Protein backbone atom coordinates (compact mmCIF):
# COMPACT_ATOMS: atom_id res chain seq x y z
CA MET A 1 -131.70 111.55 -62.74
CA MET A 2 -130.84 111.56 -66.43
CA SER A 3 -128.91 108.68 -67.85
CA GLY A 4 -126.67 108.58 -70.85
CA GLY A 5 -124.74 111.57 -72.04
CA HIS A 6 -122.02 109.96 -74.11
CA PHE A 7 -123.33 111.81 -77.17
CA ASP A 8 -124.19 114.95 -75.15
CA TYR A 9 -127.87 114.07 -75.64
CA GLU A 10 -127.59 115.01 -79.32
CA GLN A 11 -129.42 111.82 -80.33
CA TYR A 12 -132.71 113.59 -79.62
CA HIS A 13 -132.15 115.71 -82.72
CA ILE A 14 -132.77 112.60 -84.80
CA THR A 15 -136.27 112.31 -83.36
CA THR A 16 -136.85 116.03 -83.89
CA ILE A 17 -136.00 115.65 -87.59
CA ALA A 18 -138.37 112.68 -87.93
CA ASP A 19 -141.14 114.65 -86.20
CA SER A 20 -140.52 117.62 -88.48
CA ILE A 21 -140.84 115.49 -91.60
CA GLN A 22 -144.06 113.98 -90.23
CA ALA A 23 -145.41 117.50 -89.60
CA GLU A 24 -144.77 118.35 -93.26
CA LEU A 25 -146.76 115.29 -94.33
CA ASP A 26 -149.57 116.11 -91.92
CA LYS A 27 -150.14 119.65 -93.20
CA GLN A 28 -150.42 118.71 -96.88
CA GLY A 29 -153.50 120.22 -98.50
CA LYS A 30 -154.51 122.10 -95.37
CA GLU A 31 -155.09 125.82 -95.31
CA ILE A 32 -152.04 127.89 -94.40
CA PRO A 33 -152.73 129.91 -91.24
CA ARG A 34 -153.25 133.61 -92.00
CA GLU A 35 -150.21 134.64 -89.95
CA ASP A 36 -147.98 132.37 -92.07
CA ARG A 37 -149.18 133.62 -95.46
CA TRP A 38 -146.81 135.63 -97.63
CA HIS A 39 -149.33 137.69 -99.57
CA ASP A 40 -152.27 139.99 -98.93
CA ASP A 41 -155.92 138.99 -99.33
CA ASP A 42 -156.09 140.32 -102.89
CA TRP A 43 -153.41 137.85 -103.93
CA TYR A 44 -155.35 134.92 -102.48
CA LYS A 45 -158.55 136.07 -104.20
CA LYS A 46 -156.69 135.85 -107.50
CA TYR A 47 -154.77 132.65 -106.56
CA PRO A 48 -156.95 130.80 -104.04
CA ASP A 49 -154.88 127.60 -104.24
CA ASP A 50 -151.93 129.50 -102.75
CA LYS A 51 -153.79 129.53 -99.41
CA PHE A 52 -153.11 125.82 -99.04
CA TYR A 53 -150.00 123.78 -98.41
CA SER A 54 -149.01 121.75 -101.43
CA THR A 55 -149.56 118.02 -101.61
CA LEU A 56 -146.59 115.86 -102.44
CA SER A 57 -146.74 113.06 -104.97
CA GLU A 58 -147.42 109.56 -103.67
CA GLU A 59 -143.84 108.60 -104.51
CA THR A 60 -142.40 111.51 -102.50
CA GLN A 61 -144.77 110.85 -99.60
CA LYS A 62 -143.61 107.23 -99.57
CA GLU A 63 -139.96 108.30 -99.37
CA PHE A 64 -140.73 110.80 -96.60
CA LYS A 65 -142.40 107.98 -94.66
CA ASN A 66 -139.38 105.75 -95.27
CA ALA A 67 -137.12 108.51 -93.98
CA ILE A 68 -139.23 108.87 -90.83
CA HIS A 69 -139.05 105.12 -90.23
CA TYR A 70 -135.28 104.95 -90.70
CA LEU A 71 -134.68 108.04 -88.57
CA ARG A 72 -136.73 106.53 -85.75
CA ILE A 73 -134.61 103.36 -86.01
CA ALA A 74 -131.45 105.51 -85.95
CA ALA A 75 -132.75 107.31 -82.85
CA VAL A 76 -133.27 103.99 -81.05
CA TYR A 77 -129.77 102.83 -81.92
CA ALA A 78 -128.22 106.15 -80.86
CA GLN A 79 -130.07 106.10 -77.52
CA ARG A 80 -129.28 102.50 -76.71
CA ILE A 81 -125.60 102.89 -77.66
CA ASP A 82 -125.43 106.12 -75.65
CA TRP A 83 -126.67 104.34 -72.56
CA PHE A 84 -124.30 101.43 -73.15
CA LEU A 85 -121.23 103.65 -73.63
CA SER A 86 -122.24 105.76 -70.63
CA GLY A 87 -122.29 102.66 -68.44
CA ASP A 88 -126.04 102.72 -67.79
CA ASP A 89 -126.59 99.42 -69.57
CA GLY A 90 -124.42 96.33 -69.85
CA GLU A 91 -124.29 94.24 -72.98
CA GLU A 92 -127.25 92.07 -71.99
CA ASN A 93 -129.51 95.07 -71.26
CA PHE A 94 -128.25 96.83 -74.39
CA HIS A 95 -129.39 93.95 -76.60
CA LYS A 96 -132.63 93.40 -74.68
CA ARG A 97 -133.70 97.07 -74.77
CA LEU A 98 -132.56 97.52 -78.36
CA ASN A 99 -134.65 94.57 -79.52
CA GLU A 100 -137.68 95.67 -77.46
CA GLU A 101 -137.61 99.19 -78.86
CA LEU A 102 -137.06 98.04 -82.44
CA ASP A 103 -139.91 95.54 -82.09
CA LYS A 104 -142.15 98.32 -80.78
CA LEU A 105 -141.29 100.51 -83.78
CA ASN A 106 -142.07 97.69 -86.17
CA ARG A 107 -145.50 97.22 -84.58
CA GLU A 108 -146.42 100.91 -85.03
């Protein structure tokens, strides 16, 4: 049985965005799969660096990581408030679960 629903389960999009940003960080400097390349082999012989995903500056990487952290916090808040407003959690459980999940995020 699914709980919540006050936000029509839209809060999961927040986590999807955070995961997508993390995926962008993870692929930096790696070779682009052949099926995702835009040019033919001759192009990549002439411009071999184009076969690789670009690497963001340290400053931009830091801000991407900040965004991921804040989005994950927002996702926790949205989920906990959803459950509270849907009647799945009372105030005591809302605060308890919110604090537990935020503490867990801060330990990661």
